[in-house]
Amino acid sequence: MPPSTSSILTSLSTLRISAHQIPAYNLIPNTSIQQKPLLIYHSAFLSSPSSPSSSSPSPSSSSPSPSSSSPSPSSSSPSPSSTSSLPPPLSAAKIQSHLRHINIVHPQWLYTMYSTTHFHSTTHEVLCVSRGSARLCFGGETNPGRIETTVRKGDMMIIPAGVGHRLLEDLGGEDEKGEGKGEGEGESFEMVGAYPVGREWDMCYGREGGGEEEKVKGIARLGWFEVDPVYGEGGPVTRY
């Protein structure tokens, strides 16, 4: 079966993926147990329905056909008839609906990321940015091998069990040029949090005591994704 060609997804031919192995640090195992990388699918979900990199819509899509009218070069704004036929912009609800349709992970919450480094021992985690942008840290903020990166609306992250992660800074929304407006001027950072069907997440902090040592041992027994949680059959996750 070919990968999903949902009209809200970036085409696989243009999708950019970052893969990171992060060494263990103190009591945070990161990717050292299963050797599965932290994956970031940049702009996996299209924040604008008119983006030229979108996948071909399915026959049931309400997107305009190639023969649909478009404004002339001299027009300062699209006509009402052309804008009314476009699907609404990306939203948390659209992401949640798509994930449920693929049915590899189920969305469980809508929130930002905690500002304390933590990891999960019972499940891998899929995070889809539904609003705003933020600087995140993976691996522990004092770990020399940590990854610090900025994620934006439409990005998707697959965080393997054991990988520490935290929010460093909420950058708010972005203007049309992709430049951050600042937390007070734009939309606050928000993600759809999803987990493999049948799995429940826990909270670990890399601290002694509290039974975390035993929890970490269970990470080795977790299976990896056999089907991509966003692109479905034939998606890129199985390459890692």
C-alpha atoms as a PDB file:
ATOM      1  CA  MET A   1       0.000   0.000   0.000  1.00  0.00           C
ATOM      2  CA  PRO A   2       1.441   3.437  -0.927  1.00  0.00           C
ATOM      3  CA  PRO A   3       2.020   6.130   1.723  1.00  0.00           C
ATOM      4  CA  SER A   4      -0.827   8.439   2.641  1.00  0.00           C
ATOM      5  CA  THR A   5      -1.415  11.250   0.132  1.00  0.00           C
ATOM      6  CA  SER A   6      -3.556  13.407   2.409  1.00  0.00           C
ATOM      7  CA  SER A   7      -3.896  16.998   1.197  1.00  0.00           C
ATOM      8  CA  ILE A   8      -2.562  18.252   4.540  1.00  0.00           C
ATOM      9  CA  LEU A   9       0.766  16.384   4.214  1.00  0.00           C
ATOM     10  CA  THR A  10       3.973  17.450   2.542  1.00  0.00           C
ATOM     11  CA  SER A  11       4.917  15.124  -0.310  1.00  0.00           C
ATOM     12  CA  LEU A  12       7.439  12.465   0.671  1.00  0.00           C
ATOM     13  CA  SER A  13       9.573  13.543  -2.278  1.00  0.00           C
ATOM     14  CA  THR A  14      10.132  16.932  -0.626  1.00  0.00           C
ATOM     15  CA  LEU A  15       9.896  15.987   3.052  1.00  0.00           C
ATOM     16  CA  ARG A  16      13.011  16.845   5.073  1.00  0.00           C
ATOM     17  CA  ILE A  17      13.819  14.584   8.029  1.00  0.00           C
ATOM     18  CA  SER A  18      16.394  15.125  10.769  1.00  0.00           C
ATOM     19  CA  ALA A  19      17.597  12.021  12.639  1.00  0.00           C
ATOM     20  CA  HIS A  20      19.618  12.301  15.845  1.00  0.00           C
ATOM     21  CA  GLN A  21      21.315   9.742  18.055  1.00  0.00           C
ATOM     22  CA  ILE A  22      21.762  11.138  21.566  1.00  0.00           C
ATOM     23  CA  PRO A  23      24.133   9.532  24.089  1.00  0.00           C
ATOM     24  CA  ALA A  24      22.996   8.548  27.564  1.00  0.00           C
ATOM     25  CA  TYR A  25      23.599  11.192  30.205  1.00  0.00           C
ATOM     26  CA  ASN A  26      23.540  10.515  33.928  1.00  0.00           C
ATOM     27  CA  LEU A  27      20.313   8.549  34.430  1.00  0.00           C
ATOM     28  CA  ILE A  28      18.660   9.627  31.154  1.00  0.00           C
ATOM     29  CA  PRO A  29      19.121   6.768  28.648  1.00  0.00           C
ATOM     30  CA  ASN A  30      18.240   8.802  25.525  1.00  0.00           C
ATOM     31  CA  THR A  31      18.739   6.670  22.376  1.00  0.00           C
ATOM     32  CA  SER A  32      21.381   4.361  23.913  1.00  0.00           C
ATOM     33  CA  ILE A  33      19.063   1.410  24.576  1.00  0.00           C
ATOM     34  CA  GLN A  34      17.288   0.750  21.275  1.00  0.00           C
ATOM     35  CA  GLN A  35      19.503   2.911  19.038  1.00  0.00           C
ATOM     36  CA  LYS A  36      16.382   4.366  17.446  1.00  0.00           C
ATOM     37  CA  PRO A  37      16.932   8.044  16.609  1.00  0.00           C
ATOM     38  CA  LEU A  38      14.977  11.112  17.518  1.00  0.00           C
ATOM     39  CA  LEU A  39      13.183  11.963  14.266  1.00  0.00           C
ATOM     40  CA  ILE A  40      11.916  15.364  13.182  1.00  0.00           C
ATOM     41  CA  TYR A  41       9.755  15.586  10.061  1.00  0.00           C
ATOM     42  CA  HIS A  42      10.048  19.243   9.098  1.00  0.00           C
ATOM     43  CA  SER A  43       6.746  20.727   7.878  1.00  0.00           C
ATOM     44  CA  ALA A  44       5.169  17.288   7.587  1.00  0.00           C
ATOM     45  CA  PHE A  45       1.772  18.940   7.957  1.00  0.00           C
ATOM     46  CA  LEU A  46       1.124  21.833   5.615  1.00  0.00           C
ATOM     47  CA  SER A  47       0.328  24.998   7.556  1.00  0.00           C
ATOM     48  CA  SER A  48      -1.026  26.568   4.373  1.00  0.00           C
ATOM     49  CA  PRO A  49      -3.353  24.622   2.043  1.00  0.00           C
ATOM     50  CA  SER A  50      -1.905  26.377  -1.003  1.00  0.00           C
ATOM     51  CA  SER A  51       1.676  25.185  -0.445  1.00  0.00           C
ATOM     52  CA  PRO A  52       3.170  23.799  -3.677  1.00  0.00           C
ATOM     53  CA  SER A  53       4.826  20.881  -1.879  1.00  0.00           C
ATOM     54  CA  SER A  54       1.601  19.190  -0.843  1.00  0.00           C
ATOM     55  CA  SER A  55       0.848  15.613  -1.748  1.00  0.00           C
ATOM     56  CA  SER A  56      -1.775  14.923  -4.365  1.00  0.00           C
ATOM     57  CA  PRO A  57      -5.208  15.103  -2.714  1.00  0.00           C
ATOM     58  CA  SER A  58      -7.420  12.060  -2.636  1.00  0.00           C
ATOM     59  CA  PRO A  59     -10.482  11.972  -4.902  1.00  0.00           C
ATOM     60  CA  SER A  60     -12.691  12.944  -1.951  1.00  0.00           C
ATOM     61  CA  SER A  61     -10.664  16.077  -1.232  1.00  0.00           C
ATOM     62  CA  SER A  62     -12.415  19.413  -1.571  1.00  0.00           C
ATOM     63  CA  SER A  63      -9.263  21.097  -2.882  1.00  0.00           C
ATOM     64  CA  PRO A  64      -9.722  22.993  -6.167  1.00  0.00           C
ATOM     65  CA  SER A  65      -8.865  21.196  -9.383  1.00  0.00           C
ATOM     66  CA  PRO A  66      -5.999  22.389 -11.619  1.00  0.00           C
ATOM     67  CA  SER A  67      -8.554  24.132 -13.811  1.00  0.00           C
ATOM     68  CA  SER A  68      -9.839  26.298 -10.951  1.00  0.00           C
ATOM     69  CA  SER A  69      -9.569  29.995 -11.560  1.00  0.00           C
ATOM     70  CA  SER A  70      -6.749  31.975  -9.930  1.00  0.00           C
ATOM     71  CA  PRO A  71      -6.197  35.714  -9.508  1.00  0.00           C
ATOM     72  CA  SER A  72      -4.355  37.582 -12.251  1.00  0.00           C
ATOM     73  CA  PRO A  73      -0.810  38.809 -11.554  1.00  0.00           C
ATOM     74  CA  SER A  74      -2.119  42.346 -11.184  1.00  0.00           C
ATOM     75  CA  SER A  75      -4.690  41.364  -8.578  1.00  0.00           C
ATOM     76  CA  SER A  76      -3.844  42.460  -5.030  1.00  0.00           C
ATOM     77  CA  SER A  77      -5.861  39.707  -3.342  1.00  0.00           C
ATOM     78  CA  PRO A  78      -7.663  36.492  -4.322  1.00  0.00           C
ATOM     79  CA  SER A  79     -11.284  36.778  -5.313  1.00  0.00           C
ATOM     80  CA  PRO A  80     -13.923  35.540  -2.831  1.00  0.00           C
ATOM     81  CA  SER A  81     -14.770  32.643  -5.146  1.00  0.00           C
ATOM     82  CA  SER A  82     -11.181  31.356  -5.162  1.00  0.00           C
ATOM     83  CA  THR A  83     -10.612  31.638  -1.411  1.00  0.00           C
ATOM     84  CA  SER A  84     -13.931  29.992  -0.553  1.00  0.00           C
ATOM     85  CA  SER A  85     -12.873  26.787  -2.302  1.00  0.00           C
ATOM     86  CA  LEU A  86      -9.667  26.402  -0.300  1.00  0.00           C
ATOM     87  CA  PRO A  87      -9.655  24.069   2.720  1.00  0.00           C
ATOM     88  CA  PRO A  88      -9.174  25.738   6.126  1.00  0.00           C
ATOM     89  CA  PRO A  89      -5.615  26.166   7.456  1.00  0.00           C
ATOM     90  CA  LEU A  90      -3.931  23.521   9.581  1.00  0.00           C
ATOM     91  CA  SER A  91      -5.460  23.024  13.017  1.00  0.00           C
ATOM     92  CA  ALA A  92      -5.124  20.656  15.937  1.00  0.00           C
ATOM     93  CA  ALA A  93      -8.444  19.080  14.964  1.00  0.00           C
ATOM     94  CA  LYS A  94      -7.188  18.310  11.441  1.00  0.00           C
ATOM     95  CA  ILE A  95      -4.008  16.722  12.828  1.00  0.00           C
ATOM     96  CA  GLN A  96      -5.967  14.636  15.330  1.00  0.00           C
ATOM     97  CA  SER A  97      -8.366  13.472  12.632  1.00  0.00           C
ATOM     98  CA  HIS A  98      -5.488  12.473  10.364  1.00  0.00           C
ATOM     99  CA  LEU A  99      -3.720  10.509  13.101  1.00  0.00           C
ATOM    100  CA  ARG A 100      -6.910   8.652  13.942  1.00  0.00           C
ATOM    101  CA  HIS A 101      -7.370   7.821  10.269  1.00  0.00           C
ATOM    102  CA  ILE A 102      -3.863   6.321   9.992  1.00  0.00           C
ATOM    103  CA  ASN A 103      -4.576   4.554  13.319  1.00  0.00           C
ATOM    104  CA  ILE A 104      -1.002   3.821  14.407  1.00  0.00           C
ATOM    105  CA  VAL A 105      -0.992   6.354  17.215  1.00  0.00           C
ATOM    106  CA  HIS A 106      -3.938   7.891  19.036  1.00  0.00           C
ATOM    107  CA  PRO A 107      -3.931  11.564  20.079  1.00  0.00           C
ATOM    108  CA  GLN A 108      -4.217  11.884  23.855  1.00  0.00           C
ATOM    109  CA  TRP A 109      -3.607  15.529  24.674  1.00  0.00           C
ATOM    110  CA  LEU A 110      -3.257  19.076  23.351  1.00  0.00           C
ATOM    111  CA  TYR A 111      -0.698  21.145  25.236  1.00  0.00           C
ATOM    112  CA  THR A 112       2.787  22.659  25.202  1.00  0.00           C
ATOM    113  CA  MET A 113       5.935  20.801  26.358  1.00  0.00           C
ATOM    114  CA  TYR A 114       6.994  20.736  30.004  1.00  0.00           C
ATOM    115  CA  SER A 115       9.938  22.980  30.865  1.00  0.00           C
ATOM    116  CA  THR A 116      11.519  20.220  32.993  1.00  0.00           C
ATOM    117  CA  THR A 117      13.550  17.511  31.275  1.00  0.00           C
ATOM    118  CA  HIS A 118      11.619  14.259  31.339  1.00  0.00           C
ATOM    119  CA  PHE A 119      11.275  11.045  29.350  1.00  0.00           C
ATOM    120  CA  HIS A 120       8.899   8.139  28.952  1.00  0.00           C
ATOM    121  CA  SER A 121       9.775   4.508  29.637  1.00  0.00           C
ATOM    122  CA  THR A 122       6.527   2.830  28.607  1.00  0.00           C
ATOM    123  CA  THR A 123       6.070   4.160  25.083  1.00  0.00           C
ATOM    124  CA  HIS A 124       7.483   6.079  22.168  1.00  0.00           C
ATOM    125  CA  GLU A 125       5.887   9.483  21.619  1.00  0.00           C
ATOM    126  CA  VAL A 126       4.646  11.366  18.543  1.00  0.00           C
ATOM    127  CA  LEU A 127       4.354  15.149  18.863  1.00  0.00           C
ATOM    128  CA  CYS A 128       2.815  17.299  16.117  1.00  0.00           C
ATOM    129  CA  VAL A 129       3.110  21.079  16.339  1.00  0.00           C
ATOM    130  CA  SER A 130      -0.370  22.509  15.825  1.00  0.00           C
ATOM    131  CA  ARG A 131       0.351  26.133  16.742  1.00  0.00           C
ATOM    132  CA  GLY A 132       3.267  28.511  17.197  1.00  0.00           C
ATOM    133  CA  SER A 133       6.942  27.658  17.451  1.00  0.00           C
ATOM    134  CA  ALA A 134       9.431  26.849  20.211  1.00  0.00           C
ATOM    135  CA  ARG A 135      13.033  26.026  21.060  1.00  0.00           C
ATOM    136  CA  LEU A 136      13.337  22.533  22.506  1.00  0.00           C
ATOM    137  CA  CYS A 137      16.136  20.565  24.129  1.00  0.00           C
ATOM    138  CA  PHE A 138      16.563  16.803  23.741  1.00  0.00           C
ATOM    139  CA  GLY A 139      18.926  14.687  25.818  1.00  0.00           C
ATOM    140  CA  GLY A 140      19.302  16.811  28.951  1.00  0.00           C
ATOM    141  CA  GLU A 141      20.193  20.511  29.061  1.00  0.00           C
ATOM    142  CA  THR A 142      23.716  19.887  30.429  1.00  0.00           C
ATOM    143  CA  ASN A 143      24.423  16.894  28.185  1.00  0.00           C
ATOM    144  CA  PRO A 144      27.326  17.695  25.786  1.00  0.00           C
ATOM    145  CA  GLY A 145      25.570  15.497  23.197  1.00  0.00           C
ATOM    146  CA  ARG A 146      22.187  17.213  23.528  1.00  0.00           C
ATOM    147  CA  ILE A 147      20.140  18.477  20.592  1.00  0.00           C
ATOM    148  CA  GLU A 148      18.687  21.982  20.730  1.00  0.00           C
ATOM    149  CA  THR A 149      16.384  22.865  17.870  1.00  0.00           C
ATOM    150  CA  THR A 150      13.481  25.104  16.868  1.00  0.00           C
ATOM    151  CA  VAL A 151      10.234  23.482  15.766  1.00  0.00           C
ATOM    152  CA  ARG A 152       7.322  25.212  14.068  1.00  0.00           C
ATOM    153  CA  LYS A 153       3.711  24.658  13.175  1.00  0.00           C
ATOM    154  CA  GLY A 154       3.467  21.607  10.934  1.00  0.00           C
ATOM    155  CA  ASP A 155       6.571  19.852  12.251  1.00  0.00           C
ATOM    156  CA  MET A 156       6.266  16.347  13.662  1.00  0.00           C
ATOM    157  CA  MET A 157       8.610  14.620  16.115  1.00  0.00           C
ATOM    158  CA  ILE A 158       8.988  10.941  16.938  1.00  0.00           C
ATOM    159  CA  ILE A 159      10.626  10.741  20.351  1.00  0.00           C
ATOM    160  CA  PRO A 160      11.852   7.241  21.245  1.00  0.00           C
ATOM    161  CA  ALA A 161      11.243   6.005  24.773  1.00  0.00           C
ATOM    162  CA  GLY A 162      14.071   7.132  27.045  1.00  0.00           C
ATOM    163  CA  VAL A 163      14.898  10.380  25.235  1.00  0.00           C
ATOM    164  CA  GLY A 164      14.855  13.341  27.598  1.00  0.00           C
ATOM    165  CA  HIS A 165      13.073  16.435  26.322  1.00  0.00           C
ATOM    166  CA  ARG A 166      11.991  19.838  27.552  1.00  0.00           C
ATOM    167  CA  LEU A 167      10.789  23.259  26.421  1.00  0.00           C
ATOM    168  CA  LEU A 168      13.472  25.937  26.386  1.00  0.00           C
ATOM    169  CA  GLU A 169      11.486  28.862  25.007  1.00  0.00           C
ATOM    170  CA  ASP A 170       8.025  29.483  23.597  1.00  0.00           C
ATOM    171  CA  LEU A 171       8.628  31.613  20.498  1.00  0.00           C
ATOM    172  CA  GLY A 172       4.974  32.292  19.821  1.00  0.00           C
ATOM    173  CA  GLY A 173       3.566  32.573  16.322  1.00  0.00           C
ATOM    174  CA  GLU A 174       5.283  33.465  13.088  1.00  0.00           C
ATOM    175  CA  ASP A 175       4.557  36.073  10.468  1.00  0.00           C
ATOM    176  CA  GLU A 176       4.164  35.378   6.751  1.00  0.00           C
ATOM    177  CA  LYS A 177       7.948  35.414   6.290  1.00  0.00           C
ATOM    178  CA  GLY A 178       8.408  32.684   8.887  1.00  0.00           C
ATOM    179  CA  GLU A 179       9.897  35.092  11.402  1.00  0.00           C
ATOM    180  CA  GLY A 180       8.952  34.744  15.036  1.00  0.00           C
ATOM    181  CA  LYS A 181       6.702  37.467  16.406  1.00  0.00           C
ATOM    182  CA  GLY A 182       7.460  36.702  20.045  1.00  0.00           C
ATOM    183  CA  GLU A 183       5.357  34.984  22.656  1.00  0.00           C
ATOM    184  CA  GLY A 184       3.279  38.044  23.460  1.00  0.00           C
ATOM    185  CA  GLU A 185       2.519  38.895  19.837  1.00  0.00           C
ATOM    186  CA  GLY A 186       1.641  35.550  18.276  1.00  0.00           C
ATOM    187  CA  GLU A 187       0.048  32.229  19.086  1.00  0.00           C
ATOM    188  CA  SER A 188       1.492  30.267  21.986  1.00  0.00           C
ATOM    189  CA  PHE A 189       3.192  26.952  21.276  1.00  0.00           C
ATOM    190  CA  GLU A 190       0.902  23.937  21.165  1.00  0.00           C
ATOM    191  CA  MET A 191       1.276  20.291  20.159  1.00  0.00           C
ATOM    192  CA  VAL A 192      -0.885  17.237  19.613  1.00  0.00           C
ATOM    193  CA  GLY A 193       0.568  14.456  21.759  1.00  0.00           C
ATOM    194  CA  ALA A 194      -0.043  10.916  20.497  1.00  0.00           C
ATOM    195  CA  TYR A 195       1.077   7.406  21.439  1.00  0.00           C
ATOM    196  CA  PRO A 196       0.949   3.945  19.842  1.00  0.00           C
ATOM    197  CA  VAL A 197      -2.441   2.350  20.088  1.00  0.00           C
ATOM    198  CA  GLY A 198      -2.793   0.581  23.430  1.00  0.00           C
ATOM    199  CA  ARG A 199       0.171   2.314  25.092  1.00  0.00           C
ATOM    200  CA  GLU A 200       0.029   4.699  28.049  1.00  0.00           C
ATOM    201  CA  TRP A 201       2.752   7.216  28.848  1.00  0.00           C
ATOM    202  CA  ASP A 202       4.538   7.636  32.164  1.00  0.00           C
ATOM    203  CA  MET A 203       6.863  10.334  33.516  1.00  0.00           C
ATOM    204  CA  CYS A 204      10.529   9.789  34.375  1.00  0.00           C
ATOM    205  CA  TYR A 205      13.103  12.460  35.228  1.00  0.00           C
ATOM    206  CA  GLY A 206      16.435  10.656  35.398  1.00  0.00           C
ATOM    207  CA  ARG A 207      16.463  10.733  39.185  1.00  0.00           C
ATOM    208  CA  GLU A 208      17.585   8.116  41.653  1.00  0.00           C
ATOM    209  CA  GLY A 209      14.899   6.358  43.599  1.00  0.00           C
ATOM    210  CA  GLY A 210      11.240   6.163  42.748  1.00  0.00           C
ATOM    211  CA  GLY A 211      11.691   2.965  40.751  1.00  0.00           C
ATOM    212  CA  GLU A 212      12.968   4.656  37.590  1.00  0.00           C
ATOM    213  CA  GLU A 213      15.866   2.208  37.233  1.00  0.00           C
ATOM    214  CA  GLU A 214      13.437  -0.696  36.828  1.00  0.00           C
ATOM    215  CA  LYS A 215      11.223   1.292  34.459  1.00  0.00           C
ATOM    216  CA  VAL A 216      14.170   2.033  32.179  1.00  0.00           C
ATOM    217  CA  LYS A 217      14.883  -1.685  31.802  1.00  0.00           C
ATOM    218  CA  GLY A 218      11.507  -2.063  30.087  1.00  0.00           C
ATOM    219  CA  ILE A 219      12.496   0.230  27.209  1.00  0.00           C
ATOM    220  CA  ALA A 220      14.481  -2.580  25.565  1.00  0.00           C
ATOM    221  CA  ARG A 221      11.284  -4.622  25.199  1.00  0.00           C
ATOM    222  CA  LEU A 222       9.296  -1.947  23.367  1.00  0.00           C
ATOM    223  CA  GLY A 223       8.664  -2.543  19.684  1.00  0.00           C
ATOM    224  CA  TRP A 224       9.457   0.106  17.073  1.00  0.00           C
ATOM    225  CA  PHE A 225       6.954   1.402  14.517  1.00  0.00           C
ATOM    226  CA  GLU A 226       6.176  -1.030  11.700  1.00  0.00           C
ATOM    227  CA  VAL A 227       4.002   1.581   9.983  1.00  0.00           C
ATOM    228  CA  ASP A 228       4.649   5.310   9.861  1.00  0.00           C
ATOM    229  CA  PRO A 229       2.306   7.128  12.285  1.00  0.00           C
ATOM    230  CA  VAL A 230       1.757  10.043   9.885  1.00  0.00           C
ATOM    231  CA  TYR A 231       2.360   8.703   6.352  1.00  0.00           C
ATOM    232  CA  GLY A 232       1.079   5.189   6.929  1.00  0.00           C
ATOM    233  CA  GLU A 233       2.290   2.169   4.927  1.00  0.00           C
ATOM    234  CA  GLY A 234       5.463   2.985   3.033  1.00  0.00           C
ATOM    235  CA  GLY A 235       6.244   5.987   5.246  1.00  0.00           C
ATOM    236  CA  PRO A 236       9.829   6.791   6.279  1.00  0.00           C
ATOM    237  CA  VAL A 237       9.876   5.639   9.914  1.00  0.00           C
ATOM    238  CA  THR A 238      10.711   2.043   8.985  1.00  0.00           C
ATOM    239  CA  ARG A 239      14.016   3.166   7.434  1.00  0.00           C
ATOM    240  CA  TYR A 240      15.384   3.845  10.899  1.00  0.00           C
END
